[in-house]
Amino acid sequence: MKLTEKQKNCPYCHEKGADHRIKMIEDDPDGQAGLVLRQDGWHLWTADPFTFEVLYPIGYCPMCGRPLNEEED
């Protein structure tokens, strides 16, 4: 797949290495969101005072639109 410049340089979905921490997308008193790479794939992590923490499996980066389950060219 050919990536756009935005997708090639996305600071959210190009996490490399063995230690994959949450890459924060939003952090405010009403809630937080971030990307997490786990052994079973990418997840959107959300937390707020009412639902606590939730992980949603995702196939695309919500910030740049890059497919997360495809090899890069």
PDB file of N, CA and C in Angstrom:
ATOM      1  N   MET A   1       0.835  -1.175   0.000  1.00  0.00           N
ATOM      2  CA  MET A   1       0.000   0.000   0.000  1.00  0.00           C
ATOM      3  C   MET A   1       0.885   1.246   0.000  1.00  0.00           C
ATOM      4  N   LYS A   2       0.541   2.205  -0.803  1.00  0.00           N
ATOM      5  CA  LYS A   2       1.262   3.470  -0.861  1.00  0.00           C
ATOM      6  C   LYS A   2       0.668   4.412   0.187  1.00  0.00           C
ATOM      7  N   LEU A   3       1.516   4.922   1.080  1.00  0.00           N
ATOM      8  CA  LEU A   3       1.062   5.806   2.148  1.00  0.00           C
ATOM      9  C   LEU A   3       1.223   7.264   1.752  1.00  0.00           C
ATOM     10  N   THR A   4       0.327   8.098   2.268  1.00  0.00           N
ATOM     11  CA  THR A   4       0.457   9.540   2.088  1.00  0.00           C
ATOM     12  C   THR A   4       1.554  10.044   3.025  1.00  0.00           C
ATOM     13  N   GLU A   5       1.994  11.274   2.834  1.00  0.00           N
ATOM     14  CA  GLU A   5       3.008  11.856   3.734  1.00  0.00           C
ATOM     15  C   GLU A   5       2.482  11.920   5.170  1.00  0.00           C
ATOM     16  N   LYS A   6       1.204  12.262   5.331  1.00  0.00           N
ATOM     17  CA  LYS A   6       0.603  12.320   6.669  1.00  0.00           C
ATOM     18  C   LYS A   6       0.664  10.945   7.335  1.00  0.00           C
ATOM     19  N   GLN A   7       0.365   9.895   6.570  1.00  0.00           N
ATOM     20  CA  GLN A   7       0.392   8.543   7.117  1.00  0.00           C
ATOM     21  C   GLN A   7       1.818   8.091   7.420  1.00  0.00           C
ATOM     22  N   LYS A   8       2.776   8.441   6.566  1.00  0.00           N
ATOM     23  CA  LYS A   8       4.172   8.062   6.793  1.00  0.00           C
ATOM     24  C   LYS A   8       4.746   8.701   8.040  1.00  0.00           C
ATOM     25  N   ASN A   9       4.276   9.900   8.373  1.00  0.00           N
ATOM     26  CA  ASN A   9       4.841  10.660   9.491  1.00  0.00           C
ATOM     27  C   ASN A   9       3.922  10.734  10.703  1.00  0.00           C
ATOM     28  N   CYS A  10       2.907   9.899  10.751  1.00  0.00           N
ATOM     29  CA  CYS A  10       1.954   9.939  11.862  1.00  0.00           C
ATOM     30  C   CYS A  10       2.655   9.557  13.175  1.00  0.00           C
ATOM     31  N   PRO A  11       2.635  10.435  14.157  1.00  0.00           N
ATOM     32  CA  PRO A  11       3.297  10.126  15.432  1.00  0.00           C
ATOM     33  C   PRO A  11       2.496   9.164  16.307  1.00  0.00           C
ATOM     34  N   TYR A  12       1.284   8.821  15.902  1.00  0.00           N
ATOM     35  CA  TYR A  12       0.431   7.969  16.725  1.00  0.00           C
ATOM     36  C   TYR A  12       0.548   6.483  16.388  1.00  0.00           C
ATOM     37  N   CYS A  13       0.658   6.141  15.107  1.00  0.00           N
ATOM     38  CA  CYS A  13       0.558   4.727  14.731  1.00  0.00           C
ATOM     39  C   CYS A  13       1.870   4.121  14.242  1.00  0.00           C
ATOM     40  N   HIS A  14       2.990   4.811  14.409  1.00  0.00           N
ATOM     41  CA  HIS A  14       4.264   4.240  13.987  1.00  0.00           C
ATOM     42  C   HIS A  14       5.141   3.898  15.181  1.00  0.00           C
ATOM     43  N   GLU A  15       4.549   3.374  16.214  1.00  0.00           N
ATOM     44  CA  GLU A  15       5.277   2.947  17.405  1.00  0.00           C
ATOM     45  C   GLU A  15       6.032   1.667  17.090  1.00  0.00           C
ATOM     46  N   LYS A  16       7.328   1.645  17.334  1.00  0.00           N
ATOM     47  CA  LYS A  16       8.147   0.463  17.074  1.00  0.00           C
ATOM     48  C   LYS A  16       8.800   0.003  18.372  1.00  0.00           C
ATOM     49  N   GLY A  17       9.210  -1.250  18.404  1.00  0.00           N
ATOM     50  CA  GLY A  17       9.901  -1.785  19.562  1.00  0.00           C
ATOM     51  C   GLY A  17       9.011  -2.694  20.385  1.00  0.00           C
ATOM     52  N   ALA A  18       9.564  -3.226  21.454  1.00  0.00           N
ATOM     53  CA  ALA A  18       8.850  -4.217  22.253  1.00  0.00           C
ATOM     54  C   ALA A  18       7.928  -3.605  23.288  1.00  0.00           C
ATOM     55  N   ASP A  19       8.183  -2.388  23.704  1.00  0.00           N
ATOM     56  CA  ASP A  19       7.402  -1.782  24.777  1.00  0.00           C
ATOM     57  C   ASP A  19       6.426  -0.766  24.181  1.00  0.00           C
ATOM     58  N   HIS A  20       5.178  -1.168  23.984  1.00  0.00           N
ATOM     59  CA  HIS A  20       4.184  -0.311  23.350  1.00  0.00           C
ATOM     60  C   HIS A  20       3.277   0.299  24.413  1.00  0.00           C
ATOM     61  N   ARG A  21       3.489   1.532  24.680  1.00  0.00           N
ATOM     62  CA  ARG A  21       2.682   2.249  25.649  1.00  0.00           C
ATOM     63  C   ARG A  21       1.548   2.977  24.932  1.00  0.00           C
ATOM     64  N   ILE A  22       0.677   3.543  25.699  1.00  0.00           N
ATOM     65  CA  ILE A  22      -0.429   4.305  25.131  1.00  0.00           C
ATOM     66  C   ILE A  22       0.110   5.587  24.511  1.00  0.00           C
ATOM     67  N   LYS A  23      -0.267   5.833  23.261  1.00  0.00           N
ATOM     68  CA  LYS A  23       0.058   7.094  22.587  1.00  0.00           C
ATOM     69  C   LYS A  23      -1.205   7.946  22.711  1.00  0.00           C
ATOM     70  N   MET A  24      -1.173   8.943  23.557  1.00  0.00           N
ATOM     71  CA  MET A  24      -2.362   9.737  23.852  1.00  0.00           C
ATOM     72  C   MET A  24      -2.831  10.541  22.640  1.00  0.00           C
ATOM     73  N   ILE A  25      -4.134  10.502  22.392  1.00  0.00           N
ATOM     74  CA  ILE A  25      -4.784  11.308  21.367  1.00  0.00           C
ATOM     75  C   ILE A  25      -5.465  12.493  22.021  1.00  0.00           C
ATOM     76  N   GLU A  26      -6.136  12.232  23.128  1.00  0.00           N
ATOM     77  CA  GLU A  26      -6.832  13.293  23.854  1.00  0.00           C
ATOM     78  C   GLU A  26      -6.696  13.042  25.344  1.00  0.00           C
ATOM     79  N   ASP A  27      -6.469  14.096  26.086  1.00  0.00           N
ATOM     80  CA  ASP A  27      -6.312  13.981  27.530  1.00  0.00           C
ATOM     81  C   ASP A  27      -6.925  15.216  28.169  1.00  0.00           C
ATOM     82  N   ASP A  28      -8.146  15.080  28.683  1.00  0.00           N
ATOM     83  CA  ASP A  28      -8.789  16.188  29.381  1.00  0.00           C
ATOM     84  C   ASP A  28      -9.593  15.637  30.553  1.00  0.00           C
ATOM     85  N   PRO A  29     -10.113  16.484  31.419  1.00  0.00           N
ATOM     86  CA  PRO A  29     -10.818  16.001  32.620  1.00  0.00           C
ATOM     87  C   PRO A  29     -12.045  15.140  32.326  1.00  0.00           C
ATOM     88  N   ASP A  30     -12.677  15.316  31.143  1.00  0.00           N
ATOM     89  CA  ASP A  30     -13.878  14.549  30.826  1.00  0.00           C
ATOM     90  C   ASP A  30     -13.580  13.187  30.208  1.00  0.00           C
ATOM     91  N   GLY A  31     -12.358  12.959  29.787  1.00  0.00           N
ATOM     92  CA  GLY A  31     -12.028  11.670  29.205  1.00  0.00           C
ATOM     93  C   GLY A  31     -10.678  11.678  28.526  1.00  0.00           C
ATOM     94  N   GLN A  32     -10.205  10.480  28.261  1.00  0.00           N
ATOM     95  CA  GLN A  32      -8.916  10.297  27.609  1.00  0.00           C
ATOM     96  C   GLN A  32      -9.074   9.266  26.499  1.00  0.00           C
ATOM     97  N   ALA A  33      -8.208   9.369  25.484  1.00  0.00           N
ATOM     98  CA  ALA A  33      -8.191   8.388  24.405  1.00  0.00           C
ATOM     99  C   ALA A  33      -6.756   8.237  23.916  1.00  0.00           C
ATOM    100  N   GLY A  34      -6.433   7.039  23.475  1.00  0.00           N
ATOM    101  CA  GLY A  34      -5.093   6.798  22.963  1.00  0.00           C
ATOM    102  C   GLY A  34      -5.044   5.523  22.153  1.00  0.00           C
ATOM    103  N   LEU A  35      -3.922   5.300  21.470  1.00  0.00           N
ATOM    104  CA  LEU A  35      -3.692   4.088  20.695  1.00  0.00           C
ATOM    105  C   LEU A  35      -2.772   3.157  21.468  1.00  0.00           C
ATOM    106  N   VAL A  36      -3.085   1.867  21.418  1.00  0.00           N
ATOM    107  CA  VAL A  36      -2.282   0.849  22.094  1.00  0.00           C
ATOM    108  C   VAL A  36      -2.015  -0.285  21.107  1.00  0.00           C
ATOM    109  N   LEU A  37      -0.754  -0.696  20.987  1.00  0.00           N
ATOM    110  CA  LEU A  37      -0.416  -1.871  20.188  1.00  0.00           C
ATOM    111  C   LEU A  37      -0.157  -3.018  21.146  1.00  0.00           C
ATOM    112  N   ARG A  38      -0.992  -4.049  21.027  1.00  0.00           N
ATOM    113  CA  ARG A  38      -0.831  -5.246  21.861  1.00  0.00           C
ATOM    114  C   ARG A  38      -0.480  -6.418  20.954  1.00  0.00           C
ATOM    115  N   GLN A  39      -0.231  -7.558  21.542  1.00  0.00           N
ATOM    116  CA  GLN A  39       0.123  -8.733  20.741  1.00  0.00           C
ATOM    117  C   GLN A  39      -0.989  -9.118  19.774  1.00  0.00           C
ATOM    118  N   ASP A  40      -2.237  -8.827  20.124  1.00  0.00           N
ATOM    119  CA  ASP A  40      -3.355  -9.189  19.255  1.00  0.00           C
ATOM    120  C   ASP A  40      -3.776  -8.057  18.320  1.00  0.00           C
ATOM    121  N   GLY A  41      -2.958  -7.014  18.186  1.00  0.00           N
ATOM    122  CA  GLY A  41      -3.240  -5.931  17.243  1.00  0.00           C
ATOM    123  C   GLY A  41      -3.424  -4.582  17.911  1.00  0.00           C
ATOM    124  N   TRP A  42      -3.832  -3.607  17.090  1.00  0.00           N
ATOM    125  CA  TRP A  42      -4.021  -2.237  17.562  1.00  0.00           C
ATOM    126  C   TRP A  42      -5.383  -2.068  18.223  1.00  0.00           C
ATOM    127  N   HIS A  43      -5.430  -1.200  19.246  1.00  0.00           N
ATOM    128  CA  HIS A  43      -6.667  -0.925  19.970  1.00  0.00           C
ATOM    129  C   HIS A  43      -6.777   0.569  20.257  1.00  0.00           C
ATOM    130  N   LEU A  44      -7.999   1.037  20.295  1.00  0.00           N
ATOM    131  CA  LEU A  44      -8.282   2.393  20.760  1.00  0.00           C
ATOM    132  C   LEU A  44      -8.629   2.265  22.235  1.00  0.00           C
ATOM    133  N   TRP A  45      -7.885   2.942  23.072  1.00  0.00           N
ATOM    134  CA  TRP A  45      -8.092   2.920  24.517  1.00  0.00           C
ATOM    135  C   TRP A  45      -8.842   4.179  24.905  1.00  0.00           C
ATOM    136  N   THR A  46      -9.905   4.033  25.666  1.00  0.00           N
ATOM    137  CA  THR A  46     -10.650   5.191  26.157  1.00  0.00           C
ATOM    138  C   THR A  46     -10.863   5.049  27.658  1.00  0.00           C
ATOM    139  N   ALA A  47     -10.946   6.178  28.317  1.00  0.00           N
ATOM    140  CA  ALA A  47     -11.222   6.194  29.752  1.00  0.00           C
ATOM    141  C   ALA A  47     -11.964   7.480  30.083  1.00  0.00           C
ATOM    142  N   ASP A  48     -12.959   7.351  30.929  1.00  0.00           N
ATOM    143  CA  ASP A  48     -13.662   8.533  31.428  1.00  0.00           C
ATOM    144  C   ASP A  48     -14.232   8.206  32.807  1.00  0.00           C
ATOM    145  N   PRO A  49     -14.734   9.199  33.511  1.00  0.00           N
ATOM    146  CA  PRO A  49     -15.214   8.961  34.880  1.00  0.00           C
ATOM    147  C   PRO A  49     -16.400   7.993  34.961  1.00  0.00           C
ATOM    148  N   PHE A  50     -17.089   7.738  33.854  1.00  0.00           N
ATOM    149  CA  PHE A  50     -18.294   6.909  33.897  1.00  0.00           C
ATOM    150  C   PHE A  50     -18.084   5.482  33.415  1.00  0.00           C
ATOM    151  N   THR A  51     -17.232   5.266  32.400  1.00  0.00           N
ATOM    152  CA  THR A  51     -17.041   3.915  31.864  1.00  0.00           C
ATOM    153  C   THR A  51     -15.699   3.317  32.241  1.00  0.00           C
ATOM    154  N   PHE A  52     -14.864   4.063  32.910  1.00  0.00           N
ATOM    155  CA  PHE A  52     -13.521   3.615  33.273  1.00  0.00           C
ATOM    156  C   PHE A  52     -12.704   3.352  32.015  1.00  0.00           C
ATOM    157  N   GLU A  53     -12.000   2.229  31.922  1.00  0.00           N
ATOM    158  CA  GLU A  53     -11.136   1.972  30.775  1.00  0.00           C
ATOM    159  C   GLU A  53     -11.748   0.929  29.848  1.00  0.00           C
ATOM    160  N   VAL A  54     -11.685   1.203  28.544  1.00  0.00           N
ATOM    161  CA  VAL A  54     -12.214   0.282  27.541  1.00  0.00           C
ATOM    162  C   VAL A  54     -11.224   0.208  26.386  1.00  0.00           C
ATOM    163  N   LEU A  55     -10.998  -0.982  25.847  1.00  0.00           N
ATOM    164  CA  LEU A  55     -10.161  -1.184  24.664  1.00  0.00           C
ATOM    165  C   LEU A  55     -11.047  -1.643  23.513  1.00  0.00           C
ATOM    166  N   TYR A  56     -10.947  -0.966  22.364  1.00  0.00           N
ATOM    167  CA  TYR A  56     -11.676  -1.327  21.162  1.00  0.00           C
ATOM    168  C   TYR A  56     -10.668  -1.745  20.091  1.00  0.00           C
ATOM    169  N   PRO A  57     -10.771  -2.947  19.516  1.00  0.00           N
ATOM    170  CA  PRO A  57      -9.866  -3.306  18.425  1.00  0.00           C
ATOM    171  C   PRO A  57     -10.158  -2.419  17.210  1.00  0.00           C
ATOM    172  N   ILE A  58      -9.109  -1.971  16.523  1.00  0.00           N
ATOM    173  CA  ILE A  58      -9.291  -1.103  15.361  1.00  0.00           C
ATOM    174  C   ILE A  58      -8.420  -1.586  14.206  1.00  0.00           C
ATOM    175  N   GLY A  59      -8.816  -1.241  12.987  1.00  0.00           N
ATOM    176  CA  GLY A  59      -8.075  -1.619  11.798  1.00  0.00           C
ATOM    177  C   GLY A  59      -7.418  -0.443  11.099  1.00  0.00           C
ATOM    178  N   TYR A  60      -7.800   0.778  11.470  1.00  0.00           N
ATOM    179  CA  TYR A  60      -7.256   2.000  10.870  1.00  0.00           C
ATOM    180  C   TYR A  60      -6.866   2.973  11.965  1.00  0.00           C
ATOM    181  N   CYS A  61      -5.819   3.737  11.728  1.00  0.00           N
ATOM    182  CA  CYS A  61      -5.431   4.781  12.672  1.00  0.00           C
ATOM    183  C   CYS A  61      -6.491   5.877  12.635  1.00  0.00           C
ATOM    184  N   PRO A  62      -7.050   6.252  13.773  1.00  0.00           N
ATOM    185  CA  PRO A  62      -8.071   7.294  13.769  1.00  0.00           C
ATOM    186  C   PRO A  62      -7.510   8.695  13.498  1.00  0.00           C
ATOM    187  N   MET A  63      -6.198   8.845  13.539  1.00  0.00           N
ATOM    188  CA  MET A  63      -5.599  10.159  13.318  1.00  0.00           C
ATOM    189  C   MET A  63      -5.186  10.383  11.866  1.00  0.00           C
ATOM    190  N   CYS A  64      -4.689   9.335  11.181  1.00  0.00           N
ATOM    191  CA  CYS A  64      -4.219   9.525   9.796  1.00  0.00           C
ATOM    192  C   CYS A  64      -4.932   8.645   8.785  1.00  0.00           C
ATOM    193  N   GLY A  65      -5.672   7.640   9.241  1.00  0.00           N
ATOM    194  CA  GLY A  65      -6.400   6.766   8.330  1.00  0.00           C
ATOM    195  C   GLY A  65      -5.602   5.601   7.778  1.00  0.00           C
ATOM    196  N   ARG A  66      -4.366   5.407   8.223  1.00  0.00           N
ATOM    197  CA  ARG A  66      -3.533   4.313   7.720  1.00  0.00           C
ATOM    198  C   ARG A  66      -4.099   2.970   8.155  1.00  0.00           C
ATOM    199  N   PRO A  67      -4.241   1.993   7.212  1.00  0.00           N
ATOM    200  CA  PRO A  67      -4.634   0.642   7.613  1.00  0.00           C
ATOM    201  C   PRO A  67      -3.554   0.064   8.517  1.00  0.00           C
ATOM    202  N   LEU A  68      -3.936  -0.440   9.667  1.00  0.00           N
ATOM    203  CA  LEU A  68      -2.957  -0.899  10.654  1.00  0.00           C
ATOM    204  C   LEU A  68      -2.565  -2.356  10.478  1.00  0.00           C
ATOM    205  N   ASN A  69      -3.271  -3.093   9.666  1.00  0.00           N
ATOM    206  CA  ASN A  69      -2.986  -4.514   9.502  1.00  0.00           C
ATOM    207  C   ASN A  69      -2.356  -4.838   8.157  1.00  0.00           C
ATOM    208  N   GLU A  70      -1.794  -3.833   7.474  1.00  0.00           N
ATOM    209  CA  GLU A  70      -1.149  -4.045   6.186  1.00  0.00           C
ATOM    210  C   GLU A  70       0.321  -3.682   6.283  1.00  0.00           C
ATOM    211  N   GLU A  71       1.113  -4.303   5.433  1.00  0.00           N
ATOM    212  CA  GLU A  71       2.537  -3.980   5.361  1.00  0.00           C
ATOM    213  C   GLU A  71       2.733  -2.658   4.654  1.00  0.00           C
ATOM    214  N   GLU A  72       3.726  -1.889   5.085  1.00  0.00           N
ATOM    215  CA  GLU A  72       4.051  -0.617   4.448  1.00  0.00           C
ATOM    216  C   GLU A  72       4.978  -0.839   3.272  1.00  0.00           C
ATOM    217  N   ASP A  73       4.854  -0.009   2.242  1.00  0.00           N
ATOM    218  CA  ASP A  73       5.771  -0.047   1.092  1.00  0.00           C
ATOM    219  C   ASP A  73       6.981   0.793   1.355  1.00  0.00           C
TER     220      ASP A  73
END
